Amino acid sequence: MKKEYIKLLLTVFVFASCSGGESSVEELIQDESTALKIQDKSNQFNANIAVAYIDPFETKLHWVSFLIAQTLLNHESSRAVFMNVYINSFETTHTIKLEELLDLNNPDLDLFTNAFYQEFDFYNNLSDEELNQVCGRPNLRPIPPDGDPGLAPIDPMALFQAYINSLLHDDCIEIYIPNELDIEIENTVQYTPVIISSAHPLTNASINEAYINRGRCSTEIDEINSTTRENIIIARPYRGLRRCVYTQYSSIKFEDFLGN
């Protein structure tokens, strides 16, 4: 590359000498430098486009864990229901199947489901400006398939039911809790409770974006990895025997992310 550049300078110098223009060399070198900078910016722009792509299913998973974290932080009545399910599963698998928390036909889950609905409805009804400038949250909104993220629902409960049906029947989703969870929390001046929510990256990456939740519209965006030691809730897919084979992610073992 250096040899070619030297050849170019010699050619330019000879051309400039023959034409009698004293400033031609400098101008042409500046032109080449500008062209290289433009090419470099173009390559960087294309790289940014590639990095910016997010799998829509990952966004769906992020919203699940985010809404669960917000539910637990903002609705004390939901915690007992969650903890009852959590205690029965943590010692063996560290996971909770989503249908164990959000079964609309199970009255034992009503306290959690109703609180989850309130968080779903709250974030769906914020304006785009409020979502983008005030509240840290996952991309877009937690809408069901074919829903319009820009329109307020005519029947919020019908939209919520469609959303839950999509979560439970279109995919197989579980909540992975890598560390022992402490949600017997009380928000005081001295202590602000925190729950970190995230999703499986749907790649073999060992880190992913995460949301540090302290309450409604009180969220910071960071990342988690295997060294993160706090209250963590991760939504991830699991493979079923007859459905949810996820062939598009055939090279990924979902249980490997953050070590289980």
C-alpha atoms as a PDB file:
ATOM      1  CA  MET A   1       0.000   0.000   0.000  1.00  0.00           C
ATOM      2  CA  LYS A   2       2.848   2.403   0.865  1.00  0.00           C
ATOM      3  CA  LYS A   3       4.596   1.650  -2.450  1.00  0.00           C
ATOM      4  CA  GLU A   4       1.448   2.444  -4.393  1.00  0.00           C
ATOM      5  CA  TYR A   5       1.000   5.685  -2.446  1.00  0.00           C
ATOM      6  CA  ILE A   6       4.625   6.726  -3.198  1.00  0.00           C
ATOM      7  CA  LYS A   7       4.099   5.956  -6.878  1.00  0.00           C
ATOM      8  CA  LEU A   8       1.001   8.138  -6.823  1.00  0.00           C
ATOM      9  CA  LEU A   9       2.903  11.031  -5.253  1.00  0.00           C
ATOM     10  CA  LEU A  10       5.687  10.767  -7.860  1.00  0.00           C
ATOM     11  CA  THR A  11       3.157  10.716 -10.671  1.00  0.00           C
ATOM     12  CA  VAL A  12       1.405  13.750  -9.202  1.00  0.00           C
ATOM     13  CA  PHE A  13       4.707  15.559  -8.743  1.00  0.00           C
ATOM     14  CA  VAL A  14       5.756  14.969 -12.363  1.00  0.00           C
ATOM     15  CA  PHE A  15       2.340  16.055 -13.605  1.00  0.00           C
ATOM     16  CA  ALA A  16       2.469  19.203 -11.498  1.00  0.00           C
ATOM     17  CA  SER A  17       6.024  20.040 -12.618  1.00  0.00           C
ATOM     18  CA  CYS A  18       5.130  19.665 -16.270  1.00  0.00           C
ATOM     19  CA  SER A  19       2.027  21.805 -15.930  1.00  0.00           C
ATOM     20  CA  GLY A  20       3.811  24.504 -13.962  1.00  0.00           C
ATOM     21  CA  GLY A  21       1.162  24.543 -11.207  1.00  0.00           C
ATOM     22  CA  GLU A  22       2.824  24.920  -7.819  1.00  0.00           C
ATOM     23  CA  SER A  23      -0.320  24.121  -5.797  1.00  0.00           C
ATOM     24  CA  SER A  24      -1.504  21.064  -7.816  1.00  0.00           C
ATOM     25  CA  VAL A  25       0.312  18.465  -5.688  1.00  0.00           C
ATOM     26  CA  GLU A  26      -1.139  19.757  -2.452  1.00  0.00           C
ATOM     27  CA  GLU A  27      -4.646  19.985  -3.874  1.00  0.00           C
ATOM     28  CA  LEU A  28      -4.606  16.455  -5.291  1.00  0.00           C
ATOM     29  CA  ILE A  29      -3.240  14.980  -2.055  1.00  0.00           C
ATOM     30  CA  GLN A  30      -6.007  16.770  -0.151  1.00  0.00           C
ATOM     31  CA  ASP A  31      -8.547  15.370  -2.606  1.00  0.00           C
ATOM     32  CA  GLU A  32      -7.256  11.832  -2.017  1.00  0.00           C
ATOM     33  CA  SER A  33      -7.270  12.348   1.748  1.00  0.00           C
ATOM     34  CA  THR A  34     -10.863  13.576   1.591  1.00  0.00           C
ATOM     35  CA  ALA A  35     -11.869  10.588  -0.525  1.00  0.00           C
ATOM     36  CA  LEU A  36     -10.277   8.184   1.972  1.00  0.00           C
ATOM     37  CA  LYS A  37     -12.107   9.885   4.870  1.00  0.00           C
ATOM     38  CA  ILE A  38     -15.401   9.653   3.031  1.00  0.00           C
ATOM     39  CA  GLN A  39     -14.799   5.958   2.312  1.00  0.00           C
ATOM     40  CA  ASP A  40     -13.912   5.359   5.967  1.00  0.00           C
ATOM     41  CA  LYS A  41     -17.112   7.086   7.122  1.00  0.00           C
ATOM     42  CA  SER A  42     -19.109   5.059   4.632  1.00  0.00           C
ATOM     43  CA  ASN A  43     -17.633   1.810   5.948  1.00  0.00           C
ATOM     44  CA  GLN A  44     -18.339   2.892   9.527  1.00  0.00           C
ATOM     45  CA  PHE A  45     -21.921   3.783   8.613  1.00  0.00           C
ATOM     46  CA  ASN A  46     -22.463   0.351   7.087  1.00  0.00           C
ATOM     47  CA  ALA A  47     -20.950  -1.271  10.184  1.00  0.00           C
ATOM     48  CA  ASN A  48     -23.298   0.713  12.413  1.00  0.00           C
ATOM     49  CA  ILE A  49     -26.272  -0.478  10.382  1.00  0.00           C
ATOM     50  CA  ALA A  50     -25.192  -4.082  10.888  1.00  0.00           C
ATOM     51  CA  VAL A  51     -24.722  -3.621  14.637  1.00  0.00           C
ATOM     52  CA  ALA A  52     -28.023  -1.783  15.013  1.00  0.00           C
ATOM     53  CA  TYR A  53     -30.150  -4.706  13.790  1.00  0.00           C
ATOM     54  CA  ILE A  54     -32.103  -6.351  16.599  1.00  0.00           C
ATOM     55  CA  ASP A  55     -33.985  -9.598  16.163  1.00  0.00           C
ATOM     56  CA  PRO A  56     -37.716  -8.815  16.719  1.00  0.00           C
ATOM     57  CA  PHE A  57     -37.975 -11.932  18.862  1.00  0.00           C
ATOM     58  CA  GLU A  58     -35.222 -10.578  21.121  1.00  0.00           C
ATOM     59  CA  THR A  59     -37.219  -7.356  21.508  1.00  0.00           C
ATOM     60  CA  LYS A  60     -40.229  -9.459  22.477  1.00  0.00           C
ATOM     61  CA  LEU A  61     -38.138 -11.236  25.109  1.00  0.00           C
ATOM     62  CA  HIS A  62     -36.791  -7.951  26.458  1.00  0.00           C
ATOM     63  CA  TRP A  63     -40.324  -6.654  26.974  1.00  0.00           C
ATOM     64  CA  VAL A  64     -41.327  -9.801  28.865  1.00  0.00           C
ATOM     65  CA  SER A  65     -38.516  -9.526  31.414  1.00  0.00           C
ATOM     66  CA  PHE A  66     -38.867  -5.738  31.600  1.00  0.00           C
ATOM     67  CA  LEU A  67     -42.602  -5.887  32.371  1.00  0.00           C
ATOM     68  CA  ILE A  68     -42.066  -8.608  34.972  1.00  0.00           C
ATOM     69  CA  ALA A  69     -39.400  -6.480  36.681  1.00  0.00           C
ATOM     70  CA  GLN A  70     -41.695  -3.440  36.638  1.00  0.00           C
ATOM     71  CA  THR A  71     -44.564  -5.548  37.978  1.00  0.00           C
ATOM     72  CA  LEU A  72     -42.524  -6.769  40.931  1.00  0.00           C
ATOM     73  CA  LEU A  73     -41.149  -3.319  41.733  1.00  0.00           C
ATOM     74  CA  ASN A  74     -44.433  -1.430  41.520  1.00  0.00           C
ATOM     75  CA  HIS A  75     -46.984  -3.937  42.843  1.00  0.00           C
ATOM     76  CA  GLU A  76     -46.286  -5.478  46.207  1.00  0.00           C
ATOM     77  CA  SER A  77     -49.311  -7.785  45.881  1.00  0.00           C
ATOM     78  CA  SER A  78     -47.709  -9.500  42.875  1.00  0.00           C
ATOM     79  CA  ARG A  79     -44.568 -10.564  44.716  1.00  0.00           C
ATOM     80  CA  ALA A  80     -46.102 -13.345  46.808  1.00  0.00           C
ATOM     81  CA  VAL A  81     -47.512 -15.006  43.683  1.00  0.00           C
ATOM     82  CA  PHE A  82     -44.183 -14.732  41.900  1.00  0.00           C
ATOM     83  CA  MET A  83     -42.191 -15.974  44.889  1.00  0.00           C
ATOM     84  CA  ASN A  84     -44.467 -18.974  45.319  1.00  0.00           C
ATOM     85  CA  VAL A  85     -43.722 -20.066  41.744  1.00  0.00           C
ATOM     86  CA  TYR A  86     -40.074 -19.053  42.024  1.00  0.00           C
ATOM     87  CA  ILE A  87     -39.360 -21.047  45.200  1.00  0.00           C
ATOM     88  CA  ASN A  88     -40.735 -24.199  43.632  1.00  0.00           C
ATOM     89  CA  SER A  89     -38.435 -23.961  40.624  1.00  0.00           C
ATOM     90  CA  PHE A  90     -35.252 -22.124  41.619  1.00  0.00           C
ATOM     91  CA  GLU A  91     -33.526 -24.969  43.440  1.00  0.00           C
ATOM     92  CA  THR A  92     -33.836 -27.318  40.466  1.00  0.00           C
ATOM     93  CA  THR A  93     -33.756 -25.314  37.229  1.00  0.00           C
ATOM     94  CA  HIS A  94     -33.475 -21.602  38.057  1.00  0.00           C
ATOM     95  CA  THR A  95     -36.285 -21.107  35.539  1.00  0.00           C
ATOM     96  CA  ILE A  96     -40.008 -20.320  35.493  1.00  0.00           C
ATOM     97  CA  LYS A  97     -42.122 -21.186  32.481  1.00  0.00           C
ATOM     98  CA  LEU A  98     -44.088 -18.118  31.437  1.00  0.00           C
ATOM     99  CA  GLU A  99     -47.406 -19.978  31.548  1.00  0.00           C
ATOM    100  CA  GLU A 100     -46.759 -20.578  35.247  1.00  0.00           C
ATOM    101  CA  LEU A 101     -47.038 -16.807  35.784  1.00  0.00           C
ATOM    102  CA  LEU A 102     -49.445 -15.545  33.129  1.00  0.00           C
ATOM    103  CA  ASP A 103     -52.252 -18.063  32.801  1.00  0.00           C
ATOM    104  CA  LEU A 104     -55.389 -15.947  32.309  1.00  0.00           C
ATOM    105  CA  ASN A 105     -57.568 -18.893  33.344  1.00  0.00           C
ATOM    106  CA  ASN A 106     -55.841 -19.528  36.667  1.00  0.00           C
ATOM    107  CA  PRO A 107     -57.373 -17.436  39.495  1.00  0.00           C
ATOM    108  CA  ASP A 108     -54.366 -18.179  41.716  1.00  0.00           C
ATOM    109  CA  LEU A 109     -52.308 -15.972  39.403  1.00  0.00           C
ATOM    110  CA  ASP A 110     -54.773 -13.075  39.236  1.00  0.00           C
ATOM    111  CA  LEU A 111     -52.791 -10.757  41.515  1.00  0.00           C
ATOM    112  CA  PHE A 112     -49.709 -11.111  39.358  1.00  0.00           C
ATOM    113  CA  THR A 113     -51.565 -11.072  36.028  1.00  0.00           C
ATOM    114  CA  ASN A 114     -53.559  -7.951  36.942  1.00  0.00           C
ATOM    115  CA  ALA A 115     -50.413  -6.118  38.026  1.00  0.00           C
ATOM    116  CA  PHE A 116     -48.618  -7.220  34.842  1.00  0.00           C
ATOM    117  CA  TYR A 117     -51.558  -5.852  32.841  1.00  0.00           C
ATOM    118  CA  GLN A 118     -51.232  -2.456  34.521  1.00  0.00           C
ATOM    119  CA  GLU A 119     -47.589  -2.207  33.499  1.00  0.00           C
ATOM    120  CA  PHE A 120     -48.386  -3.387  29.960  1.00  0.00           C
ATOM    121  CA  ASP A 121     -51.153  -0.779  29.691  1.00  0.00           C
ATOM    122  CA  PHE A 122     -48.992   1.990  31.162  1.00  0.00           C
ATOM    123  CA  TYR A 123     -46.160   1.579  28.649  1.00  0.00           C
ATOM    124  CA  ASN A 124     -48.481   1.032  25.707  1.00  0.00           C
ATOM    125  CA  ASN A 125     -50.284   4.294  26.381  1.00  0.00           C
ATOM    126  CA  LEU A 126     -47.287   6.561  26.746  1.00  0.00           C
ATOM    127  CA  SER A 127     -46.710   8.918  23.848  1.00  0.00           C
ATOM    128  CA  ASP A 128     -43.689   8.353  21.615  1.00  0.00           C
ATOM    129  CA  GLU A 129     -42.063  11.433  23.150  1.00  0.00           C
ATOM    130  CA  GLU A 130     -42.549  10.096  26.677  1.00  0.00           C
ATOM    131  CA  LEU A 131     -41.207   6.692  25.697  1.00  0.00           C
ATOM    132  CA  ASN A 132     -38.163   8.047  23.898  1.00  0.00           C
ATOM    133  CA  GLN A 133     -37.221  10.954  26.160  1.00  0.00           C
ATOM    134  CA  VAL A 134     -38.507  10.093  29.628  1.00  0.00           C
ATOM    135  CA  CYS A 135     -38.698   6.332  30.100  1.00  0.00           C
ATOM    136  CA  GLY A 136     -35.837   3.968  29.451  1.00  0.00           C
ATOM    137  CA  ARG A 137     -37.371   0.796  28.081  1.00  0.00           C
ATOM    138  CA  PRO A 138     -36.928  -1.851  25.354  1.00  0.00           C
ATOM    139  CA  ASN A 139     -37.394  -1.023  21.687  1.00  0.00           C
ATOM    140  CA  LEU A 140     -40.905  -0.193  20.366  1.00  0.00           C
ATOM    141  CA  ARG A 141     -43.851  -1.360  22.503  1.00  0.00           C
ATOM    142  CA  PRO A 142     -45.091  -4.675  23.921  1.00  0.00           C
ATOM    143  CA  ILE A 143     -47.727  -5.196  21.235  1.00  0.00           C
ATOM    144  CA  PRO A 144     -49.195  -8.497  20.022  1.00  0.00           C
ATOM    145  CA  PRO A 145     -48.591  -9.673  16.431  1.00  0.00           C
ATOM    146  CA  ASP A 146     -50.140  -7.400  13.809  1.00  0.00           C
ATOM    147  CA  GLY A 147     -50.757  -4.717  16.415  1.00  0.00           C
ATOM    148  CA  ASP A 148     -50.086  -1.085  15.533  1.00  0.00           C
ATOM    149  CA  PRO A 149     -47.534   0.463  17.923  1.00  0.00           C
ATOM    150  CA  GLY A 150     -48.712   3.955  17.017  1.00  0.00           C
ATOM    151  CA  LEU A 151     -52.395   3.594  17.790  1.00  0.00           C
ATOM    152  CA  ALA A 152     -54.082   3.426  21.177  1.00  0.00           C
ATOM    153  CA  PRO A 153     -56.179   0.253  21.506  1.00  0.00           C
ATOM    154  CA  ILE A 154     -59.970   0.537  21.480  1.00  0.00           C
ATOM    155  CA  ASP A 155     -60.183  -2.219  24.077  1.00  0.00           C
ATOM    156  CA  PRO A 156     -56.997  -2.368  26.191  1.00  0.00           C
ATOM    157  CA  MET A 157     -57.962  -5.674  27.802  1.00  0.00           C
ATOM    158  CA  ALA A 158     -58.540  -7.297  24.403  1.00  0.00           C
ATOM    159  CA  LEU A 159     -55.102  -6.104  23.313  1.00  0.00           C
ATOM    160  CA  PHE A 160     -53.594  -7.512  26.497  1.00  0.00           C
ATOM    161  CA  GLN A 161     -55.272 -10.875  26.005  1.00  0.00           C
ATOM    162  CA  ALA A 162     -53.942 -11.017  22.451  1.00  0.00           C
ATOM    163  CA  TYR A 163     -50.485 -10.193  23.765  1.00  0.00           C
ATOM    164  CA  ILE A 164     -50.582 -12.932  26.412  1.00  0.00           C
ATOM    165  CA  ASN A 165     -51.917 -15.465  23.917  1.00  0.00           C
ATOM    166  CA  SER A 166     -49.035 -14.629  21.610  1.00  0.00           C
ATOM    167  CA  LEU A 167     -46.492 -15.052  24.412  1.00  0.00           C
ATOM    168  CA  LEU A 168     -47.890 -18.392  25.504  1.00  0.00           C
ATOM    169  CA  HIS A 169     -48.859 -19.958  22.180  1.00  0.00           C
ATOM    170  CA  ASP A 170     -46.665 -18.473  19.458  1.00  0.00           C
ATOM    171  CA  ASP A 171     -43.451 -19.115  21.360  1.00  0.00           C
ATOM    172  CA  CYS A 172     -42.048 -21.079  24.277  1.00  0.00           C
ATOM    173  CA  ILE A 173     -40.609 -18.592  26.784  1.00  0.00           C
ATOM    174  CA  GLU A 174     -39.176 -19.069  30.232  1.00  0.00           C
ATOM    175  CA  ILE A 175     -37.718 -16.765  32.848  1.00  0.00           C
ATOM    176  CA  TYR A 176     -34.160 -17.586  33.808  1.00  0.00           C
ATOM    177  CA  ILE A 177     -32.947 -16.323  37.195  1.00  0.00           C
ATOM    178  CA  PRO A 178     -29.173 -16.885  37.416  1.00  0.00           C
ATOM    179  CA  ASN A 179     -28.757 -15.542  40.957  1.00  0.00           C
ATOM    180  CA  GLU A 180     -30.881 -15.966  44.030  1.00  0.00           C
ATOM    181  CA  LEU A 181     -33.595 -13.332  43.852  1.00  0.00           C
ATOM    182  CA  ASP A 182     -34.380 -10.931  46.677  1.00  0.00           C
ATOM    183  CA  ILE A 183     -37.623  -9.111  46.005  1.00  0.00           C
ATOM    184  CA  GLU A 184     -38.885  -8.782  49.556  1.00  0.00           C
ATOM    185  CA  ILE A 185     -38.035  -5.140  49.120  1.00  0.00           C
ATOM    186  CA  GLU A 186     -39.213  -1.834  50.456  1.00  0.00           C
ATOM    187  CA  ASN A 187     -38.466   1.421  48.712  1.00  0.00           C
ATOM    188  CA  THR A 188     -37.037   3.829  51.288  1.00  0.00           C
ATOM    189  CA  VAL A 189     -34.904   6.924  51.283  1.00  0.00           C
ATOM    190  CA  GLN A 190     -31.910   4.793  52.251  1.00  0.00           C
ATOM    191  CA  TYR A 191     -32.484   1.996  49.752  1.00  0.00           C
ATOM    192  CA  THR A 192     -33.830   1.918  46.213  1.00  0.00           C
ATOM    193  CA  PRO A 193     -34.626  -1.635  45.048  1.00  0.00           C
ATOM    194  CA  VAL A 194     -33.173  -2.737  41.718  1.00  0.00           C
ATOM    195  CA  ILE A 195     -34.106  -5.539  39.330  1.00  0.00           C
ATOM    196  CA  ILE A 196     -32.069  -6.015  36.162  1.00  0.00           C
ATOM    197  CA  SER A 197     -34.045  -7.312  33.189  1.00  0.00           C
ATOM    198  CA  SER A 198     -32.607  -8.676  29.976  1.00  0.00           C
ATOM    199  CA  ALA A 199     -33.100 -11.241  27.222  1.00  0.00           C
ATOM    200  CA  HIS A 200     -31.165 -14.001  25.572  1.00  0.00           C
ATOM    201  CA  PRO A 201     -29.184 -12.356  22.723  1.00  0.00           C
ATOM    202  CA  LEU A 202     -30.249 -15.190  20.350  1.00  0.00           C
ATOM    203  CA  THR A 203     -26.617 -15.533  19.386  1.00  0.00           C
ATOM    204  CA  ASN A 204     -23.661 -17.179  21.089  1.00  0.00           C
ATOM    205  CA  ALA A 205     -22.648 -13.867  22.661  1.00  0.00           C
ATOM    206  CA  SER A 206     -21.805 -13.900  26.379  1.00  0.00           C
ATOM    207  CA  ILE A 207     -23.133 -10.378  27.070  1.00  0.00           C
ATOM    208  CA  ASN A 208     -26.307  -8.498  26.243  1.00  0.00           C
ATOM    209  CA  GLU A 209     -28.085  -5.209  26.772  1.00  0.00           C
ATOM    210  CA  ALA A 210     -29.911  -4.953  30.083  1.00  0.00           C
ATOM    211  CA  TYR A 211     -32.295  -2.587  31.860  1.00  0.00           C
ATOM    212  CA  ILE A 212     -31.588  -1.557  35.435  1.00  0.00           C
ATOM    213  CA  ASN A 213     -35.103  -1.071  36.788  1.00  0.00           C
ATOM    214  CA  ARG A 214     -35.858   1.047  39.830  1.00  0.00           C
ATOM    215  CA  GLY A 215     -39.476   1.850  39.034  1.00  0.00           C
ATOM    216  CA  ARG A 216     -41.693   3.325  36.364  1.00  0.00           C
ATOM    217  CA  CYS A 217     -39.705   5.580  34.077  1.00  0.00           C
ATOM    218  CA  SER A 218     -36.691   5.032  36.307  1.00  0.00           C
ATOM    219  CA  THR A 219     -34.513   2.784  34.198  1.00  0.00           C
ATOM    220  CA  GLU A 220     -30.901   2.827  33.059  1.00  0.00           C
ATOM    221  CA  ILE A 221     -29.527   0.867  30.117  1.00  0.00           C
ATOM    222  CA  ASP A 222     -26.373  -1.156  30.671  1.00  0.00           C
ATOM    223  CA  GLU A 223     -25.140  -4.645  29.849  1.00  0.00           C
ATOM    224  CA  ILE A 224     -24.856  -7.901  31.765  1.00  0.00           C
ATOM    225  CA  ASN A 225     -22.435 -10.795  31.619  1.00  0.00           C
ATOM    226  CA  SER A 226     -21.556 -13.830  33.707  1.00  0.00           C
ATOM    227  CA  THR A 227     -19.981 -11.651  36.419  1.00  0.00           C
ATOM    228  CA  THR A 228     -23.148  -9.639  37.108  1.00  0.00           C
ATOM    229  CA  ARG A 229     -24.329 -10.452  40.636  1.00  0.00           C
ATOM    230  CA  GLU A 230     -27.646  -8.792  41.343  1.00  0.00           C
ATOM    231  CA  ASN A 231     -31.373  -9.395  41.012  1.00  0.00           C
ATOM    232  CA  ILE A 232     -31.498 -10.532  37.378  1.00  0.00           C
ATOM    233  CA  ILE A 233     -34.466 -11.688  35.309  1.00  0.00           C
ATOM    234  CA  ILE A 234     -33.772 -12.979  31.805  1.00  0.00           C
ATOM    235  CA  ALA A 235     -36.409 -14.006  29.274  1.00  0.00           C
ATOM    236  CA  ARG A 236     -35.246 -16.730  26.929  1.00  0.00           C
ATOM    237  CA  PRO A 237     -36.778 -19.333  24.606  1.00  0.00           C
ATOM    238  CA  TYR A 238     -36.831 -23.026  25.280  1.00  0.00           C
ATOM    239  CA  ARG A 239     -37.334 -25.882  22.861  1.00  0.00           C
ATOM    240  CA  GLY A 240     -40.429 -28.051  23.131  1.00  0.00           C
ATOM    241  CA  LEU A 241     -40.836 -31.630  22.023  1.00  0.00           C
ATOM    242  CA  ARG A 242     -43.426 -30.943  19.306  1.00  0.00           C
ATOM    243  CA  ARG A 243     -43.209 -27.181  18.783  1.00  0.00           C
ATOM    244  CA  CYS A 244     -40.797 -24.338  19.336  1.00  0.00           C
ATOM    245  CA  VAL A 245     -37.918 -26.190  17.710  1.00  0.00           C
ATOM    246  CA  TYR A 246     -36.379 -22.852  16.682  1.00  0.00           C
ATOM    247  CA  THR A 247     -34.463 -24.171  13.700  1.00  0.00           C
ATOM    248  CA  GLN A 248     -33.371 -20.605  12.888  1.00  0.00           C
ATOM    249  CA  TYR A 249     -31.284 -20.753  16.078  1.00  0.00           C
ATOM    250  CA  SER A 250     -30.092 -24.327  15.620  1.00  0.00           C
ATOM    251  CA  SER A 251     -26.479 -23.515  16.510  1.00  0.00           C
ATOM    252  CA  ILE A 252     -27.461 -21.886  19.819  1.00  0.00           C
ATOM    253  CA  LYS A 253     -27.930 -23.655  23.125  1.00  0.00           C
ATOM    254  CA  PHE A 254     -30.184 -21.230  25.006  1.00  0.00           C
ATOM    255  CA  GLU A 255     -29.130 -22.576  28.409  1.00  0.00           C
ATOM    256  CA  ASP A 256     -25.500 -21.501  27.891  1.00  0.00           C
ATOM    257  CA  PHE A 257     -26.141 -17.762  28.215  1.00  0.00           C
ATOM    258  CA  LEU A 258     -24.925 -16.700  31.669  1.00  0.00           C
ATOM    259  CA  GLY A 259     -24.033 -20.184  32.644  1.00  0.00           C
ATOM    260  CA  ASN A 260     -27.093 -22.415  32.962  1.00  0.00           C
END
